[in-house]
C-alpha cells in the first residue's frame, strides 16, 4: 500500500473529467447559477404541467390499497 503524503497548504488538488482537469472546489459565478436555476425551473414546470398519465395514476391507486394476501 502506498503511503499518502499530506496535502501542503496552498496546493490545489485537481480531478479529471471528460473535458480535462478541473480544480476541486471550483465555483460558478452567481450569474451562471441564476441562469441554470431559471432553466431548471422552466424544465420542471413543463414536466409538472404534463400531469400523471392515467395508467400511472391507476397503478398508484392499486398500490395504495391494503394487501388482502390474494395475489392471483
PDB file of N, CA and C in Angstrom:
ATOM      1  N   UNK A   1       0.848  -1.173   0.000  1.00  0.00           N
ATOM      2  CA  UNK A   1       0.000   0.000   0.000  1.00  0.00           C
ATOM      3  C   UNK A   1       0.890   1.231   0.000  1.00  0.00           C
ATOM      4  N   UNK A   2       0.581   2.197  -0.815  1.00  0.00           N
ATOM      5  CA  UNK A   2       1.374   3.413  -0.896  1.00  0.00           C
ATOM      6  C   UNK A   2       1.079   4.331   0.276  1.00  0.00           C
ATOM      7  N   UNK A   3       2.123   4.975   0.735  1.00  0.00           N
ATOM      8  CA  UNK A   3       1.944   5.954   1.802  1.00  0.00           C
ATOM      9  C   UNK A   3       1.465   7.262   1.186  1.00  0.00           C
ATOM     10  N   UNK A   4       0.428   7.832   1.761  1.00  0.00           N
ATOM     11  CA  UNK A   4      -0.128   9.085   1.241  1.00  0.00           C
ATOM     12  C   UNK A   4       0.596  10.260   1.867  1.00  0.00           C
ATOM     13  N   UNK A   5       0.963  11.208   1.031  1.00  0.00           N
ATOM     14  CA  UNK A   5       1.613  12.413   1.525  1.00  0.00           C
ATOM     15  C   UNK A   5       0.546  13.407   1.953  1.00  0.00           C
ATOM     16  N   UNK A   6       0.762  14.126   3.029  1.00  0.00           N
ATOM     17  CA  UNK A   6      -0.230  15.124   3.445  1.00  0.00           C
ATOM     18  C   UNK A   6      -0.307  16.251   2.421  1.00  0.00           C
ATOM     19  N   UNK A   7      -1.485  16.821   2.306  1.00  0.00           N
ATOM     20  CA  UNK A   7      -1.702  17.946   1.411  1.00  0.00           C
ATOM     21  C   UNK A   7      -0.971  19.170   1.948  1.00  0.00           C
ATOM     22  N   UNK A   8      -0.186  19.800   1.131  1.00  0.00           N
ATOM     23  CA  UNK A   8       0.509  21.017   1.565  1.00  0.00           C
ATOM     24  C   UNK A   8      -0.418  22.210   1.425  1.00  0.00           C
ATOM     25  N   UNK A   9      -0.321  23.114   2.355  1.00  0.00           N
ATOM     26  CA  UNK A   9      -1.145  24.326   2.302  1.00  0.00           C
ATOM     27  C   UNK A   9      -0.844  25.069   1.014  1.00  0.00           C
ATOM     28  N   UNK A  10      -1.879  25.559   0.364  1.00  0.00           N
ATOM     29  CA  UNK A  10      -1.707  26.331  -0.865  1.00  0.00           C
ATOM     30  C   UNK A  10      -1.662  25.477  -2.115  1.00  0.00           C
ATOM     31  N   UNK A  11      -1.659  24.157  -1.979  1.00  0.00           N
ATOM     32  CA  UNK A  11      -1.633  23.267  -3.137  1.00  0.00           C
ATOM     33  C   UNK A  11      -3.066  23.025  -3.599  1.00  0.00           C
ATOM     34  N   UNK A  12      -3.303  23.226  -4.884  1.00  0.00           N
ATOM     35  CA  UNK A  12      -4.639  22.985  -5.429  1.00  0.00           C
ATOM     36  C   UNK A  12      -4.702  21.563  -5.962  1.00  0.00           C
ATOM     37  N   UNK A  13      -5.693  20.817  -5.505  1.00  0.00           N
ATOM     38  CA  UNK A  13      -5.868  19.452  -5.982  1.00  0.00           C
ATOM     39  C   UNK A  13      -6.727  19.474  -7.229  1.00  0.00           C
ATOM     40  N   UNK A  14      -6.396  18.632  -8.183  1.00  0.00           N
ATOM     41  CA  UNK A  14      -7.117  18.590  -9.446  1.00  0.00           C
ATOM     42  C   UNK A  14      -7.779  17.222  -9.600  1.00  0.00           C
ATOM     43  N   UNK A  15      -8.907  17.206 -10.284  1.00  0.00           N
ATOM     44  CA  UNK A  15      -9.531  15.956 -10.661  1.00  0.00           C
ATOM     45  C   UNK A  15      -9.799  16.040 -12.149  1.00  0.00           C
ATOM     46  N   UNK A  16      -9.921  14.889 -12.817  1.00  0.00           N
ATOM     47  CA  UNK A  16     -10.149  14.886 -14.260  1.00  0.00           C
ATOM     48  C   UNK A  16     -11.589  14.518 -14.554  1.00  0.00           C
ATOM     49  N   UNK A  17     -12.114  15.109 -15.592  1.00  0.00           N
ATOM     50  CA  UNK A  17     -13.408  14.702 -16.113  1.00  0.00           C
ATOM     51  C   UNK A  17     -13.234  14.530 -17.612  1.00  0.00           C
ATOM     52  N   UNK A  18     -14.299  14.297 -18.346  1.00  0.00           N
ATOM     53  CA  UNK A  18     -14.169  14.038 -19.777  1.00  0.00           C
ATOM     54  C   UNK A  18     -13.659  15.240 -20.567  1.00  0.00           C
ATOM     55  N   UNK A  19     -13.695  16.445 -19.977  1.00  0.00           N
ATOM     56  CA  UNK A  19     -13.229  17.637 -20.684  1.00  0.00           C
ATOM     57  C   UNK A  19     -11.818  18.037 -20.288  1.00  0.00           C
ATOM     58  N   UNK A  20     -11.255  17.411 -19.289  1.00  0.00           N
ATOM     59  CA  UNK A  20      -9.904  17.749 -18.844  1.00  0.00           C
ATOM     60  C   UNK A  20      -9.892  18.001 -17.350  1.00  0.00           C
ATOM     61  N   UNK A  21      -8.757  18.472 -16.829  1.00  0.00           N
ATOM     62  CA  UNK A  21      -8.645  18.676 -15.389  1.00  0.00           C
ATOM     63  C   UNK A  21      -9.529  19.815 -14.895  1.00  0.00           C
ATOM     64  N   UNK A  22     -10.049  19.650 -13.688  1.00  0.00           N
ATOM     65  CA  UNK A  22     -10.898  20.656 -13.058  1.00  0.00           C
ATOM     66  C   UNK A  22     -10.430  20.818 -11.617  1.00  0.00           C
ATOM     67  N   UNK A  23     -10.337  22.057 -11.162  1.00  0.00           N
ATOM     68  CA  UNK A  23      -9.959  22.293  -9.772  1.00  0.00           C
ATOM     69  C   UNK A  23     -11.084  21.854  -8.857  1.00  0.00           C
ATOM     70  N   UNK A  24     -10.717  21.167  -7.777  1.00  0.00           N
ATOM     71  CA  UNK A  24     -11.724  20.844  -6.773  1.00  0.00           C
ATOM     72  C   UNK A  24     -12.145  22.130  -6.110  1.00  0.00           C
ATOM     73  N   UNK A  25     -13.411  22.237  -5.807  1.00  0.00           N
ATOM     74  CA  UNK A  25     -13.911  23.426  -5.144  1.00  0.00           C
ATOM     75  C   UNK A  25     -14.139  24.587  -6.110  1.00  0.00           C
ATOM     76  N   UNK A  26     -14.020  24.342  -7.420  1.00  0.00           N
ATOM     77  CA  UNK A  26     -14.280  25.405  -8.388  1.00  0.00           C
ATOM     78  C   UNK A  26     -15.741  25.817  -8.279  1.00  0.00           C
ATOM     79  N   UNK A  27     -16.007  27.080  -8.418  1.00  0.00           N
ATOM     80  CA  UNK A  27     -17.370  27.582  -8.274  1.00  0.00           C
ATOM     81  C   UNK A  27     -17.818  28.291  -9.538  1.00  0.00           C
ATOM     82  N   UNK A  28     -19.115  28.367  -9.692  1.00  0.00           N
ATOM     83  CA  UNK A  28     -19.705  29.115 -10.798  1.00  0.00           C
ATOM     84  C   UNK A  28     -20.093  30.494 -10.296  1.00  0.00           C
ATOM     85  N   UNK A  29     -20.032  31.464 -11.174  1.00  0.00           N
ATOM     86  CA  UNK A  29     -20.454  32.809 -10.806  1.00  0.00           C
ATOM     87  C   UNK A  29     -21.949  32.849 -10.542  1.00  0.00           C
ATOM     88  N   UNK A  30     -22.374  33.857  -9.802  1.00  0.00           N
ATOM     89  CA  UNK A  30     -23.803  33.978  -9.462  1.00  0.00           C
ATOM     90  C   UNK A  30     -24.683  34.105 -10.697  1.00  0.00           C
ATOM     91  N   UNK A  31     -24.197  34.777 -11.735  1.00  0.00           N
ATOM     92  CA  UNK A  31     -24.998  34.926 -12.952  1.00  0.00           C
ATOM     93  C   UNK A  31     -25.211  33.574 -13.638  1.00  0.00           C
ATOM     94  N   UNK A  32     -24.187  32.737 -13.650  1.00  0.00           N
ATOM     95  CA  UNK A  32     -24.319  31.401 -14.242  1.00  0.00           C
ATOM     96  C   UNK A  32     -25.258  30.549 -13.395  1.00  0.00           C
ATOM     97  N   UNK A  33     -25.115  30.612 -12.074  1.00  0.00           N
ATOM     98  CA  UNK A  33     -26.003  29.859 -11.186  1.00  0.00           C
ATOM     99  C   UNK A  33     -27.454  30.284 -11.394  1.00  0.00           C
ATOM    100  N   UNK A  34     -27.683  31.582 -11.526  1.00  0.00           N
ATOM    101  CA  UNK A  34     -29.043  32.082 -11.732  1.00  0.00           C
ATOM    102  C   UNK A  34     -29.619  31.568 -13.049  1.00  0.00           C
ATOM    103  N   UNK A  35     -28.813  31.566 -14.101  1.00  0.00           N
ATOM    104  CA  UNK A  35     -29.277  31.087 -15.406  1.00  0.00           C
ATOM    105  C   UNK A  35     -29.605  29.599 -15.351  1.00  0.00           C
ATOM    106  N   UNK A  36     -28.758  28.810 -14.701  1.00  0.00           N
ATOM    107  CA  UNK A  36     -29.026  27.374 -14.548  1.00  0.00           C
ATOM    108  C   UNK A  36     -30.316  27.171 -13.764  1.00  0.00           C
ATOM    109  N   UNK A  37     -30.513  27.948 -12.683  1.00  0.00           N
ATOM    110  CA  UNK A  37     -31.732  27.856 -11.887  1.00  0.00           C
ATOM    111  C   UNK A  37     -32.972  28.172 -12.707  1.00  0.00           C
ATOM    112  N   UNK A  38     -32.902  29.213 -13.527  1.00  0.00           N
ATOM    113  CA  UNK A  38     -34.043  29.575 -14.383  1.00  0.00           C
ATOM    114  C   UNK A  38     -34.381  28.445 -15.340  1.00  0.00           C
ATOM    115  N   UNK A  39     -33.350  27.864 -15.959  1.00  0.00           N
ATOM    116  CA  UNK A  39     -33.583  26.791 -16.924  1.00  0.00           C
ATOM    117  C   UNK A  39     -34.136  25.532 -16.247  1.00  0.00           C
ATOM    118  N   UNK A  40     -33.620  25.216 -15.069  1.00  0.00           N
ATOM    119  CA  UNK A  40     -34.146  24.051 -14.346  1.00  0.00           C
ATOM    120  C   UNK A  40     -35.597  24.261 -13.940  1.00  0.00           C
ATOM    121  N   UNK A  41     -35.935  25.473 -13.468  1.00  0.00           N
ATOM    122  CA  UNK A  41     -37.338  25.758 -13.105  1.00  0.00           C
ATOM    123  C   UNK A  41     -38.244  25.653 -14.315  1.00  0.00           C
ATOM    124  N   UNK A  42     -37.795  26.140 -15.464  1.00  0.00           N
ATOM    125  CA  UNK A  42     -38.614  26.062 -16.682  1.00  0.00           C
ATOM    126  C   UNK A  42     -38.847  24.608 -17.076  1.00  0.00           C
ATOM    127  N   UNK A  43     -37.801  23.786 -16.994  1.00  0.00           N
ATOM    128  CA  UNK A  43     -37.955  22.367 -17.333  1.00  0.00           C
ATOM    129  C   UNK A  43     -38.885  21.676 -16.342  1.00  0.00           C
ATOM    130  N   UNK A  44     -38.719  21.970 -15.055  1.00  0.00           N
ATOM    131  CA  UNK A  44     -39.546  21.348 -14.024  1.00  0.00           C
ATOM    132  C   UNK A  44     -41.003  21.750 -14.197  1.00  0.00           C
ATOM    133  N   UNK A  45     -41.264  23.029 -14.441  1.00  0.00           N
ATOM    134  CA  UNK A  45     -42.634  23.498 -14.645  1.00  0.00           C
ATOM    135  C   UNK A  45     -43.287  22.790 -15.819  1.00  0.00           C
ATOM    136  N   UNK A  46     -42.518  22.564 -16.882  1.00  0.00           N
ATOM    137  CA  UNK A  46     -43.042  21.872 -18.057  1.00  0.00           C
ATOM    138  C   UNK A  46     -43.422  20.433 -17.716  1.00  0.00           C
ATOM    139  N   UNK A  47     -42.581  19.756 -16.960  1.00  0.00           N
ATOM    140  CA  UNK A  47     -42.856  18.362 -16.572  1.00  0.00           C
ATOM    141  C   UNK A  47     -44.074  18.300 -15.660  1.00  0.00           C
ATOM    142  N   UNK A  48     -44.164  19.206 -14.696  1.00  0.00           N
ATOM    143  CA  UNK A  48     -45.295  19.207 -13.760  1.00  0.00           C
ATOM    144  C   UNK A  48     -46.606  19.481 -14.494  1.00  0.00           C
ATOM    145  N   UNK A  49     -46.569  20.371 -15.474  1.00  0.00           N
ATOM    146  CA  UNK A  49     -47.802  20.720 -16.189  1.00  0.00           C
ATOM    147  C   UNK A  49     -48.323  19.568 -17.049  1.00  0.00           C
ATOM    148  N   UNK A  50     -47.466  18.584 -17.349  1.00  0.00           N
ATOM    149  CA  UNK A  50     -47.908  17.443 -18.158  1.00  0.00           C
ATOM    150  C   UNK A  50     -48.831  16.519 -17.369  1.00  0.00           C
ATOM    151  N   UNK A  51     -48.734  16.537 -16.068  1.00  0.00           N
ATOM    152  CA  UNK A  51     -49.594  15.684 -15.248  1.00  0.00           C
ATOM    153  C   UNK A  51     -49.131  14.245 -15.238  1.00  0.00           C
ATOM    154  N   UNK A  52     -49.906  13.411 -14.541  1.00  0.00           N
ATOM    155  CA  UNK A  52     -49.591  11.985 -14.409  1.00  0.00           C
ATOM    156  C   UNK A  52     -50.469  11.213 -15.386  1.00  0.00           C
ATOM    157  N   UNK A  53     -49.861  10.354 -16.206  1.00  0.00           N
ATOM    158  CA  UNK A  53     -50.675   9.544 -17.136  1.00  0.00           C
ATOM    159  C   UNK A  53     -51.664   8.676 -16.357  1.00  0.00           C
ATOM    160  N   UNK A  54     -52.827   8.424 -16.961  1.00  0.00           N
ATOM    161  CA  UNK A  54     -53.884   7.648 -16.314  1.00  0.00           C
ATOM    162  C   UNK A  54     -53.399   6.280 -15.836  1.00  0.00           C
ATOM    163  N   UNK A  55     -52.565   5.609 -16.631  1.00  0.00           N
ATOM    164  CA  UNK A  55     -52.114   4.266 -16.226  1.00  0.00           C
ATOM    165  C   UNK A  55     -51.253   4.327 -14.971  1.00  0.00           C
ATOM    166  N   UNK A  56     -50.480   5.409 -14.794  1.00  0.00           N
ATOM    167  CA  UNK A  56     -49.686   5.557 -13.579  1.00  0.00           C
ATOM    168  C   UNK A  56     -50.578   5.884 -12.391  1.00  0.00           C
ATOM    169  N   UNK A  57     -51.567   6.724 -12.610  1.00  0.00           N
ATOM    170  CA  UNK A  57     -52.492   7.068 -11.528  1.00  0.00           C
ATOM    171  C   UNK A  57     -53.223   5.817 -11.052  1.00  0.00           C
ATOM    172  N   UNK A  58     -53.638   4.974 -11.992  1.00  0.00           N
ATOM    173  CA  UNK A  58     -54.321   3.723 -11.633  1.00  0.00           C
ATOM    174  C   UNK A  58     -53.384   2.791 -10.868  1.00  0.00           C
ATOM    175  N   UNK A  59     -52.151   2.673 -11.308  1.00  0.00           N
ATOM    176  CA  UNK A  59     -51.176   1.832 -10.619  1.00  0.00           C
ATOM    177  C   UNK A  59     -50.931   2.345  -9.193  1.00  0.00           C
ATOM    178  N   UNK A  60     -50.785   3.644  -9.027  1.00  0.00           N
ATOM    179  CA  UNK A  60     -50.587   4.217  -7.694  1.00  0.00           C
ATOM    180  C   UNK A  60     -51.794   3.961  -6.801  1.00  0.00           C
ATOM    181  N   UNK A  61     -52.991   4.064  -7.374  1.00  0.00           N
ATOM    182  CA  UNK A  61     -54.208   3.802  -6.609  1.00  0.00           C
ATOM    183  C   UNK A  61     -54.226   2.349  -6.132  1.00  0.00           C
ATOM    184  N   UNK A  62     -53.847   1.419  -7.021  1.00  0.00           N
ATOM    185  CA  UNK A  62     -53.822  -0.001  -6.654  1.00  0.00           C
ATOM    186  C   UNK A  62     -52.758  -0.272  -5.596  1.00  0.00           C
ATOM    187  N   UNK A  63     -51.636   0.400  -5.675  1.00  0.00           N
ATOM    188  CA  UNK A  63     -50.578   0.204  -4.681  1.00  0.00           C
ATOM    189  C   UNK A  63     -50.971   0.741  -3.312  1.00  0.00           C
ATOM    190  N   UNK A  64     -51.816   1.751  -3.282  1.00  0.00           N
ATOM    191  CA  UNK A  64     -52.270   2.327  -2.007  1.00  0.00           C
ATOM    192  C   UNK A  64     -53.302   1.458  -1.304  1.00  0.00           C
ATOM    193  N   UNK A  65     -53.961   0.553  -2.042  1.00  0.00           N
ATOM    194  CA  UNK A  65     -54.989  -0.300  -1.446  1.00  0.00           C
ATOM    195  C   UNK A  65     -54.325  -1.319  -0.526  1.00  0.00           C
ATOM    196  N   UNK A  66     -54.993  -1.647   0.583  1.00  0.00           N
ATOM    197  CA  UNK A  66     -54.414  -2.650   1.501  1.00  0.00           C
ATOM    198  C   UNK A  66     -54.282  -4.002   0.807  1.00  0.00           C
ATOM    199  N   UNK A  67     -53.230  -4.719   1.172  1.00  0.00           N
ATOM    200  CA  UNK A  67     -52.966  -6.033   0.593  1.00  0.00           C
ATOM    201  C   UNK A  67     -53.827  -7.072   1.301  1.00  0.00           C
ATOM    202  N   UNK A  68     -54.673  -7.792   0.555  1.00  0.00           N
ATOM    203  CA  UNK A  68     -55.544  -8.801   1.181  1.00  0.00           C
ATOM    204  C   UNK A  68     -54.889 -10.186   1.164  1.00  0.00           C
ATOM    205  N   UNK A  69     -53.663 -10.293   0.688  1.00  0.00           N
ATOM    206  CA  UNK A  69     -52.949 -11.572   0.694  1.00  0.00           C
ATOM    207  C   UNK A  69     -53.212 -12.411  -0.547  1.00  0.00           C
ATOM    208  N   UNK A  70     -54.213 -12.081  -1.334  1.00  0.00           N
ATOM    209  CA  UNK A  70     -54.558 -12.841  -2.559  1.00  0.00           C
ATOM    210  C   UNK A  70     -53.823 -12.224  -3.743  1.00  0.00           C
ATOM    211  N   UNK A  71     -52.851 -12.938  -4.287  1.00  0.00           N
ATOM    212  CA  UNK A  71     -52.072 -12.422  -5.416  1.00  0.00           C
ATOM    213  C   UNK A  71     -52.316 -13.280  -6.642  1.00  0.00           C
ATOM    214  N   UNK A  72     -53.525 -13.327  -7.133  1.00  0.00           N
ATOM    215  CA  UNK A  72     -53.811 -14.157  -8.303  1.00  0.00           C
ATOM    216  C   UNK A  72     -53.606 -13.445  -9.593  1.00  0.00           C
TER     217      UNK A  72
END
